Amino acid sequence: MCYLYYKLVWMSELFGVSNSMNITILCVGKLKEEYFRAAAAEYIKRLSGYCTVSVIETADEKIPERASRSEEERIKQKETARLLEKIPRRDFVIVLDLSGKQADSPALSELLSRQAANGFSGFTFVIGGSLGLAPAMLERANFVLSASKMTFPHQLMRVILLEQIFRAFKIARGETYHK
């Protein structure tokens, strides 16, 4: 019990340093629906007490209705290239992809706190477009995360990700948060 208390105090101090952590959500496409924009804005507001959050949206490519595999790969490569240009060189990059490792909320909190302790103050989370990401993005990633075995629309995934980042900070500080 004592170990857990000290770990929570350490993580609380780590995350509690006056918004010293920068979180970037880098994604393909815009939030088109007002309810997604409102939900994302709410979590960004909640996160403002813990970190600085920025959202960078890159253009999504139009996907022909009957696109061939090679056309889809070309689209993924174009979208991925635009994303890669926006990643700060020193950030710890977490890419959301179905091939990634699944983690519960405490594990995400632990990952962020561990990497912050390793000297990272910038974290970039990457959400690809509807076709996913090209292999170059997975190679750039420091960690590949799968939110679920289920597939979510990338607009909804942005809201889910923001909520999970907020939850990670609450967990790290030992603060209560509904389950």
C-alpha atoms as a PDB file:
ATOM      1  CA  MET A   1       0.000   0.000   0.000  1.00  0.00           C
ATOM      2  CA  CYS A   2       2.847   2.374   0.885  1.00  0.00           C
ATOM      3  CA  TYR A   3       4.511   1.723  -2.512  1.00  0.00           C
ATOM      4  CA  LEU A   4       1.290   2.561  -4.330  1.00  0.00           C
ATOM      5  CA  TYR A   5       0.876   5.783  -2.353  1.00  0.00           C
ATOM      6  CA  TYR A   6       4.428   6.940  -3.159  1.00  0.00           C
ATOM      7  CA  LYS A   7       4.040   5.965  -6.792  1.00  0.00           C
ATOM      8  CA  LEU A   8       0.849   8.048  -7.020  1.00  0.00           C
ATOM      9  CA  VAL A   9       2.565  10.982  -5.306  1.00  0.00           C
ATOM     10  CA  TRP A  10       5.522  10.727  -7.719  1.00  0.00           C
ATOM     11  CA  MET A  11       3.240  10.505 -10.757  1.00  0.00           C
ATOM     12  CA  SER A  12       1.119  13.362  -9.432  1.00  0.00           C
ATOM     13  CA  GLU A  13       4.182  15.554  -9.087  1.00  0.00           C
ATOM     14  CA  LEU A  14       5.384  14.472 -12.507  1.00  0.00           C
ATOM     15  CA  PHE A  15       2.138  15.369 -14.233  1.00  0.00           C
ATOM     16  CA  GLY A  16       1.368  18.311 -11.987  1.00  0.00           C
ATOM     17  CA  VAL A  17       4.214  20.543 -13.118  1.00  0.00           C
ATOM     18  CA  SER A  18       2.361  23.552 -14.495  1.00  0.00           C
ATOM     19  CA  ASN A  19       1.305  22.227 -17.880  1.00  0.00           C
ATOM     20  CA  SER A  20       4.864  21.264 -18.795  1.00  0.00           C
ATOM     21  CA  MET A  21       3.614  18.404 -20.926  1.00  0.00           C
ATOM     22  CA  ASN A  22       2.557  19.004 -24.524  1.00  0.00           C
ATOM     23  CA  ILE A  23       0.072  16.671 -26.170  1.00  0.00           C
ATOM     24  CA  THR A  24      -0.517  16.847 -29.910  1.00  0.00           C
ATOM     25  CA  ILE A  25      -3.352  14.998 -31.584  1.00  0.00           C
ATOM     26  CA  LEU A  26      -2.309  14.617 -35.212  1.00  0.00           C
ATOM     27  CA  CYS A  27      -5.051  13.321 -37.446  1.00  0.00           C
ATOM     28  CA  VAL A  28      -6.264  12.959 -40.985  1.00  0.00           C
ATOM     29  CA  GLY A  29      -9.411  14.931 -41.730  1.00  0.00           C
ATOM     30  CA  LYS A  30     -11.590  17.346 -39.837  1.00  0.00           C
ATOM     31  CA  LEU A  31     -14.342  16.719 -37.327  1.00  0.00           C
ATOM     32  CA  LYS A  32     -17.369  17.252 -39.531  1.00  0.00           C
ATOM     33  CA  GLU A  33     -20.143  16.672 -37.015  1.00  0.00           C
ATOM     34  CA  GLU A  34     -20.915  19.362 -34.435  1.00  0.00           C
ATOM     35  CA  TYR A  35     -21.406  16.798 -31.659  1.00  0.00           C
ATOM     36  CA  PHE A  36     -17.893  15.409 -32.225  1.00  0.00           C
ATOM     37  CA  ARG A  37     -16.442  18.948 -32.248  1.00  0.00           C
ATOM     38  CA  ALA A  38     -18.279  19.764 -29.007  1.00  0.00           C
ATOM     39  CA  ALA A  39     -17.106  16.571 -27.285  1.00  0.00           C
ATOM     40  CA  ALA A  40     -13.504  17.095 -28.402  1.00  0.00           C
ATOM     41  CA  ALA A  41     -13.593  20.728 -27.242  1.00  0.00           C
ATOM     42  CA  GLU A  42     -14.908  19.649 -23.843  1.00  0.00           C
ATOM     43  CA  TYR A  43     -12.035  17.195 -23.272  1.00  0.00           C
ATOM     44  CA  ILE A  44      -9.464  19.708 -24.521  1.00  0.00           C
ATOM     45  CA  LYS A  45     -10.869  22.185 -21.983  1.00  0.00           C
ATOM     46  CA  ARG A  46     -10.663  19.582 -19.199  1.00  0.00           C
ATOM     47  CA  LEU A  47      -7.096  18.722 -20.175  1.00  0.00           C
ATOM     48  CA  SER A  48      -6.000  22.357 -19.993  1.00  0.00           C
ATOM     49  CA  GLY A  49      -5.458  21.976 -16.245  1.00  0.00           C
ATOM     50  CA  TYR A  50      -2.961  19.166 -16.850  1.00  0.00           C
ATOM     51  CA  CYS A  51      -1.160  19.873 -20.107  1.00  0.00           C
ATOM     52  CA  THR A  52      -1.146  21.872 -23.309  1.00  0.00           C
ATOM     53  CA  VAL A  53      -3.155  20.196 -26.069  1.00  0.00           C
ATOM     54  CA  SER A  54      -3.057  20.989 -29.747  1.00  0.00           C
ATOM     55  CA  VAL A  55      -4.891  19.319 -32.582  1.00  0.00           C
ATOM     56  CA  ILE A  56      -3.374  19.275 -36.048  1.00  0.00           C
ATOM     57  CA  GLU A  57      -5.606  18.129 -38.879  1.00  0.00           C
ATOM     58  CA  THR A  58      -4.166  17.187 -42.243  1.00  0.00           C
ATOM     59  CA  ALA A  59      -6.131  16.862 -45.466  1.00  0.00           C
ATOM     60  CA  ASP A  60      -7.730  13.559 -46.241  1.00  0.00           C
ATOM     61  CA  GLU A  61      -7.631  12.159 -49.746  1.00  0.00           C
ATOM     62  CA  LYS A  62     -10.795  11.434 -51.636  1.00  0.00           C
ATOM     63  CA  ILE A  63     -11.202   7.679 -51.961  1.00  0.00           C
ATOM     64  CA  PRO A  64     -12.756   6.509 -55.236  1.00  0.00           C
ATOM     65  CA  GLU A  65     -15.764   4.262 -54.677  1.00  0.00           C
ATOM     66  CA  ARG A  66     -14.081   1.239 -56.231  1.00  0.00           C
ATOM     67  CA  ALA A  67     -10.467   2.003 -55.437  1.00  0.00           C
ATOM     68  CA  SER A  68      -7.954  -0.700 -56.235  1.00  0.00           C
ATOM     69  CA  ARG A  69      -5.499  -1.898 -53.613  1.00  0.00           C
ATOM     70  CA  SER A  70      -2.723   0.100 -55.254  1.00  0.00           C
ATOM     71  CA  GLU A  71      -4.885   3.261 -55.232  1.00  0.00           C
ATOM     72  CA  GLU A  72      -5.646   2.722 -51.548  1.00  0.00           C
ATOM     73  CA  GLU A  73      -1.934   2.248 -50.785  1.00  0.00           C
ATOM     74  CA  ARG A  74      -1.107   5.433 -52.688  1.00  0.00           C
ATOM     75  CA  ILE A  75      -3.749   7.317 -50.670  1.00  0.00           C
ATOM     76  CA  LYS A  76      -2.366   5.952 -47.383  1.00  0.00           C
ATOM     77  CA  GLN A  77       1.145   6.971 -48.400  1.00  0.00           C
ATOM     78  CA  LYS A  78       0.044  10.528 -49.260  1.00  0.00           C
ATOM     79  CA  GLU A  79      -1.865  10.935 -46.008  1.00  0.00           C
ATOM     80  CA  THR A  80       0.987   9.419 -43.995  1.00  0.00           C
ATOM     81  CA  ALA A  81       3.567  11.688 -45.652  1.00  0.00           C
ATOM     82  CA  ARG A  82       1.549  14.757 -44.611  1.00  0.00           C
ATOM     83  CA  LEU A  83       1.329  13.442 -41.053  1.00  0.00           C
ATOM     84  CA  LEU A  84       5.043  12.661 -40.816  1.00  0.00           C
ATOM     85  CA  GLU A  85       5.900  16.250 -41.807  1.00  0.00           C
ATOM     86  CA  LYS A  86       4.000  17.543 -38.756  1.00  0.00           C
ATOM     87  CA  ILE A  87       5.622  15.394 -36.054  1.00  0.00           C
ATOM     88  CA  PRO A  88       8.141  17.236 -33.894  1.00  0.00           C
ATOM     89  CA  ARG A  89      11.433  15.348 -34.030  1.00  0.00           C
ATOM     90  CA  ARG A  90      11.768  15.015 -30.251  1.00  0.00           C
ATOM     91  CA  ASP A  91       8.214  13.924 -29.451  1.00  0.00           C
ATOM     92  CA  PHE A  92       7.293  10.482 -28.201  1.00  0.00           C
ATOM     93  CA  VAL A  93       4.955   9.233 -30.939  1.00  0.00           C
ATOM     94  CA  ILE A  94       1.993   6.993 -30.176  1.00  0.00           C
ATOM     95  CA  VAL A  95       0.244   5.742 -33.297  1.00  0.00           C
ATOM     96  CA  LEU A  96      -3.257   4.336 -33.110  1.00  0.00           C
ATOM     97  CA  ASP A  97      -3.517   1.270 -35.300  1.00  0.00           C
ATOM     98  CA  LEU A  98      -5.408  -2.014 -35.193  1.00  0.00           C
ATOM     99  CA  SER A  99      -2.064  -3.863 -35.257  1.00  0.00           C
ATOM    100  CA  GLY A 100      -0.934  -2.183 -32.038  1.00  0.00           C
ATOM    101  CA  LYS A 101      -0.840  -3.312 -28.453  1.00  0.00           C
ATOM    102  CA  GLN A 102      -4.021  -2.979 -26.456  1.00  0.00           C
ATOM    103  CA  ALA A 103      -3.740  -1.186 -23.142  1.00  0.00           C
ATOM    104  CA  ASP A 104      -6.212  -0.334 -20.421  1.00  0.00           C
ATOM    105  CA  SER A 105      -6.470   3.177 -18.967  1.00  0.00           C
ATOM    106  CA  PRO A 106      -3.977   2.617 -16.112  1.00  0.00           C
ATOM    107  CA  ALA A 107      -1.445   1.211 -18.607  1.00  0.00           C
ATOM    108  CA  LEU A 108      -1.777   4.311 -20.814  1.00  0.00           C
ATOM    109  CA  SER A 109      -1.278   6.494 -17.740  1.00  0.00           C
ATOM    110  CA  GLU A 110       1.794   4.467 -16.804  1.00  0.00           C
ATOM    111  CA  LEU A 111       3.190   4.716 -20.357  1.00  0.00           C
ATOM    112  CA  LEU A 112       2.880   8.514 -20.343  1.00  0.00           C
ATOM    113  CA  SER A 113       4.363   8.869 -16.868  1.00  0.00           C
ATOM    114  CA  ARG A 114       7.240   6.499 -17.648  1.00  0.00           C
ATOM    115  CA  GLN A 115       8.117   8.352 -20.847  1.00  0.00           C
ATOM    116  CA  ALA A 116       7.823  11.725 -19.099  1.00  0.00           C
ATOM    117  CA  ALA A 117      10.274  10.396 -16.496  1.00  0.00           C
ATOM    118  CA  ASN A 118      12.558   9.413 -19.397  1.00  0.00           C
ATOM    119  CA  GLY A 119      12.660  13.057 -20.471  1.00  0.00           C
ATOM    120  CA  PHE A 120       9.832  13.353 -22.991  1.00  0.00           C
ATOM    121  CA  SER A 121       7.686  16.443 -22.554  1.00  0.00           C
ATOM    122  CA  GLY A 122       6.017  16.225 -25.970  1.00  0.00           C
ATOM    123  CA  PHE A 123       3.702  13.422 -27.003  1.00  0.00           C
ATOM    124  CA  THR A 124       2.138  13.107 -30.438  1.00  0.00           C
ATOM    125  CA  PHE A 125      -0.819  10.771 -30.893  1.00  0.00           C
ATOM    126  CA  VAL A 126      -1.518   9.891 -34.533  1.00  0.00           C
ATOM    127  CA  ILE A 127      -4.918   8.920 -35.924  1.00  0.00           C
ATOM    128  CA  GLY A 128      -4.936   7.904 -39.578  1.00  0.00           C
ATOM    129  CA  GLY A 129      -7.677   8.217 -42.131  1.00  0.00           C
ATOM    130  CA  SER A 130     -10.338   5.686 -42.979  1.00  0.00           C
ATOM    131  CA  LEU A 131      -7.857   3.465 -44.850  1.00  0.00           C
ATOM    132  CA  GLY A 132      -5.321   3.495 -42.032  1.00  0.00           C
ATOM    133  CA  LEU A 133      -1.649   4.421 -42.199  1.00  0.00           C
ATOM    134  CA  ALA A 134       1.280   3.507 -44.413  1.00  0.00           C
ATOM    135  CA  PRO A 135       4.097   1.403 -42.912  1.00  0.00           C
ATOM    136  CA  ALA A 136       6.348   4.498 -42.667  1.00  0.00           C
ATOM    137  CA  MET A 137       4.201   5.822 -39.819  1.00  0.00           C
ATOM    138  CA  LEU A 138       4.394   2.571 -37.883  1.00  0.00           C
ATOM    139  CA  GLU A 139       8.181   2.678 -38.304  1.00  0.00           C
ATOM    140  CA  ARG A 140       8.282   6.235 -36.884  1.00  0.00           C
ATOM    141  CA  ALA A 141       6.140   5.303 -33.888  1.00  0.00           C
ATOM    142  CA  ASN A 142       7.668   4.881 -30.469  1.00  0.00           C
ATOM    143  CA  PHE A 143       4.566   2.939 -29.467  1.00  0.00           C
ATOM    144  CA  VAL A 144       1.706   1.490 -31.541  1.00  0.00           C
ATOM    145  CA  LEU A 145      -1.561   1.436 -29.619  1.00  0.00           C
ATOM    146  CA  SER A 146      -4.750  -0.387 -30.480  1.00  0.00           C
ATOM    147  CA  ALA A 147      -7.781   1.147 -28.786  1.00  0.00           C
ATOM    148  CA  SER A 148      -9.802  -1.990 -29.428  1.00  0.00           C
ATOM    149  CA  LYS A 149     -10.147  -4.940 -31.747  1.00  0.00           C
ATOM    150  CA  MET A 150     -13.210  -3.124 -33.053  1.00  0.00           C
ATOM    151  CA  THR A 151     -12.937  -0.488 -35.746  1.00  0.00           C
ATOM    152  CA  PHE A 152     -14.105   3.052 -34.940  1.00  0.00           C
ATOM    153  CA  PRO A 153     -14.662   5.998 -37.263  1.00  0.00           C
ATOM    154  CA  HIS A 154     -11.602   8.242 -36.994  1.00  0.00           C
ATOM    155  CA  GLN A 155     -13.787  11.180 -35.889  1.00  0.00           C
ATOM    156  CA  LEU A 156     -15.125   9.185 -32.934  1.00  0.00           C
ATOM    157  CA  MET A 157     -11.645   7.841 -32.211  1.00  0.00           C
ATOM    158  CA  ARG A 158     -10.407  11.399 -31.642  1.00  0.00           C
ATOM    159  CA  VAL A 159     -13.000  11.931 -28.918  1.00  0.00           C
ATOM    160  CA  ILE A 160     -12.256   8.547 -27.342  1.00  0.00           C
ATOM    161  CA  LEU A 161      -8.522   9.290 -27.381  1.00  0.00           C
ATOM    162  CA  LEU A 162      -8.962  12.707 -25.758  1.00  0.00           C
ATOM    163  CA  GLU A 163     -11.110  11.153 -23.038  1.00  0.00           C
ATOM    164  CA  GLN A 164      -8.491   8.457 -22.397  1.00  0.00           C
ATOM    165  CA  ILE A 165      -5.684  11.007 -22.174  1.00  0.00           C
ATOM    166  CA  PHE A 166      -7.768  12.985 -19.674  1.00  0.00           C
ATOM    167  CA  ARG A 167      -8.395   9.776 -17.724  1.00  0.00           C
ATOM    168  CA  ALA A 168      -4.641   9.006 -17.780  1.00  0.00           C
ATOM    169  CA  PHE A 169      -3.886  12.324 -16.085  1.00  0.00           C
ATOM    170  CA  LYS A 170      -6.613  11.756 -13.493  1.00  0.00           C
ATOM    171  CA  ILE A 171      -5.188   8.297 -12.745  1.00  0.00           C
ATOM    172  CA  ALA A 172      -1.639   9.633 -12.510  1.00  0.00           C
ATOM    173  CA  ARG A 173      -2.687  12.245  -9.979  1.00  0.00           C
ATOM    174  CA  GLY A 174      -4.750   9.779  -7.973  1.00  0.00           C
ATOM    175  CA  GLU A 175      -7.883  11.822  -8.608  1.00  0.00           C
ATOM    176  CA  THR A 176     -11.302  10.221  -8.767  1.00  0.00           C
ATOM    177  CA  TYR A 177     -12.954   9.834 -12.125  1.00  0.00           C
ATOM    178  CA  HIS A 178     -16.094   7.909 -12.983  1.00  0.00           C
ATOM    179  CA  LYS A 179     -15.657   4.459 -14.426  1.00  0.00           C
END
